[in-house]
Amino acid sequence: MPSIHSVAQMQHRKQEKIEIIERKFKEILEKDYENQSAYKNTEARNHELTSLMSQMENWFDIPFLLEDAKKETSPKVLNLYQEISNARDFSIY
């Protein structure tokens, strides 16, 4: 059984990772894709958001199926993951 100290350290590292993801997400949304067509702008943003989602899947062991993710992933992490997912724009495809 992990000690209280090690559990606290794991929670702190998890919170740090959430903050990194939130910061990157904000940067992507605010990024100015100057001198690019609207299509390339959206495509680049979608790619960056998808990469961020993959990073979250690795860091937080987010399952593929939403039903499983709801059981196994903290609500804060899952909400952030879904917010990033919903920020993608598929209207260009």
N, C-alpha and C. Protein backbone atom coordinates (compact mmCIF):
# COMPACT_ATOMS: atom_id res chain seq x y z
N MET A 1 0.85 -1.18 0.00
CA MET A 1 0.00 0.00 0.00
C MET A 1 0.89 1.25 0.00
N PRO A 2 0.64 2.18 -0.92
CA PRO A 2 1.48 3.38 -0.99
C PRO A 2 1.29 4.26 0.23
N SER A 3 2.37 4.94 0.59
CA SER A 3 2.28 5.85 1.73
C SER A 3 1.49 7.10 1.35
N ILE A 4 1.06 7.80 2.36
CA ILE A 4 0.31 9.04 2.14
C ILE A 4 1.18 10.03 1.37
N HIS A 5 2.47 10.05 1.69
CA HIS A 5 3.39 10.95 1.01
C HIS A 5 3.51 10.62 -0.47
N SER A 6 3.63 9.34 -0.82
CA SER A 6 3.76 8.97 -2.23
C SER A 6 2.47 9.23 -3.00
N VAL A 7 1.33 9.04 -2.34
CA VAL A 7 0.05 9.35 -2.98
C VAL A 7 -0.04 10.85 -3.23
N ALA A 8 0.38 11.64 -2.28
CA ALA A 8 0.36 13.10 -2.44
C ALA A 8 1.28 13.53 -3.58
N GLN A 9 2.45 12.89 -3.68
CA GLN A 9 3.38 13.20 -4.78
C GLN A 9 2.77 12.84 -6.13
N MET A 10 2.10 11.70 -6.23
CA MET A 10 1.47 11.30 -7.48
C MET A 10 0.37 12.28 -7.87
N GLN A 11 -0.42 12.72 -6.89
CA GLN A 11 -1.48 13.68 -7.16
C GLN A 11 -0.89 15.01 -7.63
N HIS A 12 0.23 15.41 -7.02
CA HIS A 12 0.90 16.66 -7.41
C HIS A 12 1.40 16.56 -8.85
N ARG A 13 2.03 15.43 -9.20
CA ARG A 13 2.52 15.24 -10.57
C ARG A 13 1.36 15.23 -11.56
N LYS A 14 0.26 14.60 -11.18
CA LYS A 14 -0.92 14.57 -12.04
C LYS A 14 -1.44 15.99 -12.26
N GLN A 15 -1.50 16.78 -11.21
CA GLN A 15 -1.96 18.16 -11.33
C GLN A 15 -1.01 18.97 -12.21
N GLU A 16 0.29 18.75 -12.08
CA GLU A 16 1.26 19.45 -12.93
C GLU A 16 1.02 19.10 -14.40
N LYS A 17 0.75 17.83 -14.68
CA LYS A 17 0.49 17.41 -16.06
C LYS A 17 -0.79 18.04 -16.59
N ILE A 18 -1.81 18.11 -15.76
CA ILE A 18 -3.06 18.77 -16.18
C ILE A 18 -2.79 20.23 -16.53
N GLU A 19 -1.99 20.90 -15.71
CA GLU A 19 -1.67 22.30 -15.97
C GLU A 19 -0.88 22.47 -17.26
N ILE A 20 0.02 21.55 -17.55
CA ILE A 20 0.78 21.59 -18.80
C ILE A 20 -0.18 21.45 -19.99
N ILE A 21 -1.09 20.49 -19.91
CA ILE A 21 -2.05 20.27 -20.98
C ILE A 21 -2.94 21.50 -21.15
N GLU A 22 -3.44 22.05 -20.06
CA GLU A 22 -4.30 23.24 -20.14
C GLU A 22 -3.56 24.40 -20.79
N ARG A 23 -2.29 24.58 -20.44
CA ARG A 23 -1.48 25.66 -21.01
C ARG A 23 -1.28 25.45 -22.52
N LYS A 24 -0.94 24.21 -22.91
CA LYS A 24 -0.76 23.92 -24.33
C LYS A 24 -2.06 24.11 -25.10
N PHE A 25 -3.17 23.69 -24.51
CA PHE A 25 -4.48 23.84 -25.15
C PHE A 25 -4.77 25.32 -25.40
N LYS A 26 -4.54 26.14 -24.40
CA LYS A 26 -4.77 27.58 -24.54
C LYS A 26 -3.87 28.17 -25.63
N GLU A 27 -2.61 27.75 -25.67
CA GLU A 27 -1.68 28.23 -26.69
C GLU A 27 -2.17 27.87 -28.09
N ILE A 28 -2.66 26.66 -28.25
CA ILE A 28 -3.16 26.22 -29.57
C ILE A 28 -4.35 27.07 -29.99
N LEU A 29 -5.28 27.30 -29.08
CA LEU A 29 -6.47 28.07 -29.40
C LEU A 29 -6.15 29.53 -29.72
N GLU A 30 -5.09 30.04 -29.11
CA GLU A 30 -4.74 31.45 -29.31
C GLU A 30 -3.72 31.65 -30.42
N LYS A 31 -3.18 30.57 -30.95
CA LYS A 31 -2.13 30.66 -31.95
C LYS A 31 -2.64 31.34 -33.21
N ASP A 32 -1.80 32.19 -33.76
CA ASP A 32 -2.13 32.88 -35.00
C ASP A 32 -1.36 32.19 -36.13
N TYR A 33 -2.10 31.55 -36.99
CA TYR A 33 -1.50 30.85 -38.12
C TYR A 33 -1.41 31.83 -39.29
N GLU A 34 -0.62 32.85 -39.11
CA GLU A 34 -0.50 33.92 -40.09
C GLU A 34 -0.01 33.38 -41.43
N ASN A 35 -0.48 34.00 -42.49
CA ASN A 35 -0.10 33.65 -43.87
C ASN A 35 -0.50 32.24 -44.27
N GLN A 36 -1.56 31.71 -43.70
CA GLN A 36 -2.06 30.41 -44.09
C GLN A 36 -3.52 30.53 -44.49
N SER A 37 -3.92 29.71 -45.40
CA SER A 37 -5.33 29.70 -45.78
C SER A 37 -6.16 29.20 -44.61
N ALA A 38 -7.45 29.42 -44.66
CA ALA A 38 -8.34 28.96 -43.60
C ALA A 38 -8.26 27.45 -43.45
N TYR A 39 -8.15 26.73 -44.57
CA TYR A 39 -8.06 25.27 -44.52
C TYR A 39 -6.80 24.84 -43.77
N LYS A 40 -5.65 25.40 -44.15
CA LYS A 40 -4.39 25.00 -43.50
C LYS A 40 -4.40 25.40 -42.03
N ASN A 41 -5.00 26.53 -41.71
CA ASN A 41 -5.10 26.97 -40.33
C ASN A 41 -5.86 25.93 -39.51
N THR A 42 -7.03 25.54 -39.99
CA THR A 42 -7.86 24.57 -39.27
C THR A 42 -7.19 23.20 -39.23
N GLU A 43 -6.59 22.80 -40.32
CA GLU A 43 -5.91 21.51 -40.37
C GLU A 43 -4.75 21.47 -39.37
N ALA A 44 -3.98 22.53 -39.30
CA ALA A 44 -2.85 22.60 -38.36
C ALA A 44 -3.35 22.57 -36.92
N ARG A 45 -4.39 23.32 -36.66
CA ARG A 45 -4.96 23.35 -35.29
C ARG A 45 -5.49 21.96 -34.91
N ASN A 46 -6.22 21.32 -35.83
CA ASN A 46 -6.74 19.98 -35.57
C ASN A 46 -5.61 19.01 -35.26
N HIS A 47 -4.53 19.10 -36.02
CA HIS A 47 -3.38 18.21 -35.80
C HIS A 47 -2.78 18.43 -34.41
N GLU A 48 -2.61 19.67 -34.03
CA GLU A 48 -2.04 19.97 -32.71
C GLU A 48 -2.97 19.50 -31.59
N LEU A 49 -4.26 19.69 -31.77
CA LEU A 49 -5.22 19.24 -30.75
C LEU A 49 -5.22 17.72 -30.64
N THR A 50 -5.15 17.04 -31.77
CA THR A 50 -5.10 15.57 -31.77
C THR A 50 -3.84 15.07 -31.08
N SER A 51 -2.72 15.73 -31.34
CA SER A 51 -1.46 15.36 -30.67
C SER A 51 -1.56 15.56 -29.16
N LEU A 52 -2.23 16.63 -28.76
CA LEU A 52 -2.42 16.90 -27.33
C LEU A 52 -3.30 15.82 -26.70
N MET A 53 -4.32 15.39 -27.42
CA MET A 53 -5.17 14.30 -26.93
C MET A 53 -4.37 13.01 -26.78
N SER A 54 -3.50 12.72 -27.73
CA SER A 54 -2.65 11.52 -27.64
C SER A 54 -1.73 11.59 -26.43
N GLN A 55 -1.20 12.78 -26.17
CA GLN A 55 -0.35 12.96 -25.00
C GLN A 55 -1.15 12.68 -23.72
N MET A 56 -2.37 13.17 -23.67
CA MET A 56 -3.22 12.91 -22.50
C MET A 56 -3.51 11.42 -22.36
N GLU A 57 -3.79 10.74 -23.47
CA GLU A 57 -4.06 9.30 -23.42
C GLU A 57 -2.88 8.55 -22.81
N ASN A 58 -1.68 8.96 -23.17
CA ASN A 58 -0.48 8.31 -22.63
C ASN A 58 -0.25 8.65 -21.17
N TRP A 59 -0.35 9.91 -20.83
CA TRP A 59 -0.06 10.36 -19.46
C TRP A 59 -1.08 9.85 -18.45
N PHE A 60 -2.35 9.82 -18.86
CA PHE A 60 -3.42 9.51 -17.91
C PHE A 60 -4.08 8.16 -18.16
N ASP A 61 -3.54 7.37 -19.09
CA ASP A 61 -4.08 6.04 -19.41
C ASP A 61 -5.58 6.10 -19.70
N ILE A 62 -5.97 7.01 -20.57
CA ILE A 62 -7.38 7.17 -20.91
C ILE A 62 -7.79 6.04 -21.85
N PRO A 63 -8.78 5.24 -21.48
CA PRO A 63 -9.23 4.14 -22.35
C PRO A 63 -9.87 4.66 -23.64
N PHE A 64 -9.91 3.81 -24.63
CA PHE A 64 -10.46 4.16 -25.94
C PHE A 64 -11.97 4.38 -25.87
N LEU A 65 -12.68 3.52 -25.18
CA LEU A 65 -14.13 3.62 -25.11
C LEU A 65 -14.57 4.60 -24.02
N LEU A 66 -15.51 5.47 -24.37
CA LEU A 66 -15.98 6.48 -23.43
C LEU A 66 -16.56 5.85 -22.17
N GLU A 67 -17.29 4.77 -22.33
CA GLU A 67 -17.88 4.08 -21.17
C GLU A 67 -16.79 3.68 -20.16
N ASP A 68 -15.69 3.13 -20.68
CA ASP A 68 -14.58 2.74 -19.81
C ASP A 68 -13.87 3.97 -19.25
N ALA A 69 -13.72 4.99 -20.08
CA ALA A 69 -13.04 6.21 -19.63
C ALA A 69 -13.79 6.86 -18.48
N LYS A 70 -15.11 6.83 -18.54
CA LYS A 70 -15.91 7.42 -17.46
C LYS A 70 -15.70 6.68 -16.15
N LYS A 71 -15.42 5.38 -16.22
CA LYS A 71 -15.20 4.58 -15.02
C LYS A 71 -13.77 4.72 -14.49
N GLU A 72 -12.80 4.87 -15.41
CA GLU A 72 -11.40 4.75 -15.04
C GLU A 72 -10.62 6.07 -15.02
N THR A 73 -11.21 7.15 -15.48
CA THR A 73 -10.50 8.42 -15.60
C THR A 73 -11.16 9.45 -14.70
N SER A 74 -10.35 10.28 -14.07
CA SER A 74 -10.93 11.30 -13.19
C SER A 74 -11.77 12.27 -14.02
N PRO A 75 -12.84 12.77 -13.44
CA PRO A 75 -13.72 13.69 -14.17
C PRO A 75 -12.98 14.92 -14.71
N LYS A 76 -12.04 15.44 -13.94
CA LYS A 76 -11.30 16.63 -14.38
C LYS A 76 -10.51 16.34 -15.65
N VAL A 77 -9.83 15.21 -15.67
CA VAL A 77 -9.03 14.82 -16.84
C VAL A 77 -9.95 14.54 -18.02
N LEU A 78 -11.01 13.80 -17.78
CA LEU A 78 -11.92 13.44 -18.87
C LEU A 78 -12.61 14.67 -19.45
N ASN A 79 -13.00 15.61 -18.61
CA ASN A 79 -13.63 16.84 -19.10
C ASN A 79 -12.67 17.65 -19.96
N LEU A 80 -11.42 17.75 -19.54
CA LEU A 80 -10.42 18.46 -20.32
C LEU A 80 -10.19 17.76 -21.66
N TYR A 81 -10.10 16.45 -21.63
CA TYR A 81 -9.92 15.65 -22.84
C TYR A 81 -11.08 15.89 -23.81
N GLN A 82 -12.29 15.88 -23.30
CA GLN A 82 -13.46 16.09 -24.16
C GLN A 82 -13.53 17.53 -24.67
N GLU A 83 -13.09 18.48 -23.87
CA GLU A 83 -13.06 19.87 -24.31
C GLU A 83 -12.08 20.03 -25.48
N ILE A 84 -10.92 19.40 -25.38
CA ILE A 84 -9.94 19.44 -26.46
C ILE A 84 -10.51 18.75 -27.70
N SER A 85 -11.12 17.60 -27.51
CA SER A 85 -11.71 16.87 -28.62
C SER A 85 -12.77 17.72 -29.34
N ASN A 86 -13.61 18.37 -28.57
CA ASN A 86 -14.68 19.19 -29.14
C ASN A 86 -14.17 20.45 -29.82
N ALA A 87 -12.94 20.86 -29.52
CA ALA A 87 -12.37 22.06 -30.14
C ALA A 87 -11.91 21.80 -31.57
N ARG A 88 -11.80 20.52 -31.94
CA ARG A 88 -11.40 20.21 -33.32
C ARG A 88 -12.54 20.57 -34.27
N ASP A 89 -12.16 20.92 -35.49
CA ASP A 89 -13.15 21.34 -36.51
C ASP A 89 -13.04 20.40 -37.71
N PHE A 90 -14.10 19.62 -37.91
CA PHE A 90 -14.09 18.66 -39.01
C PHE A 90 -14.83 19.17 -40.24
N SER A 91 -15.27 20.40 -40.20
CA SER A 91 -16.04 20.95 -41.32
C SER A 91 -15.19 21.12 -42.58
N ILE A 92 -13.88 21.11 -42.44
CA ILE A 92 -13.01 21.30 -43.62
C ILE A 92 -12.79 20.01 -44.39
N TYR A 93 -13.18 18.87 -43.85
CA TYR A 93 -12.91 17.59 -44.51
C TYR A 93 -14.07 17.12 -45.33
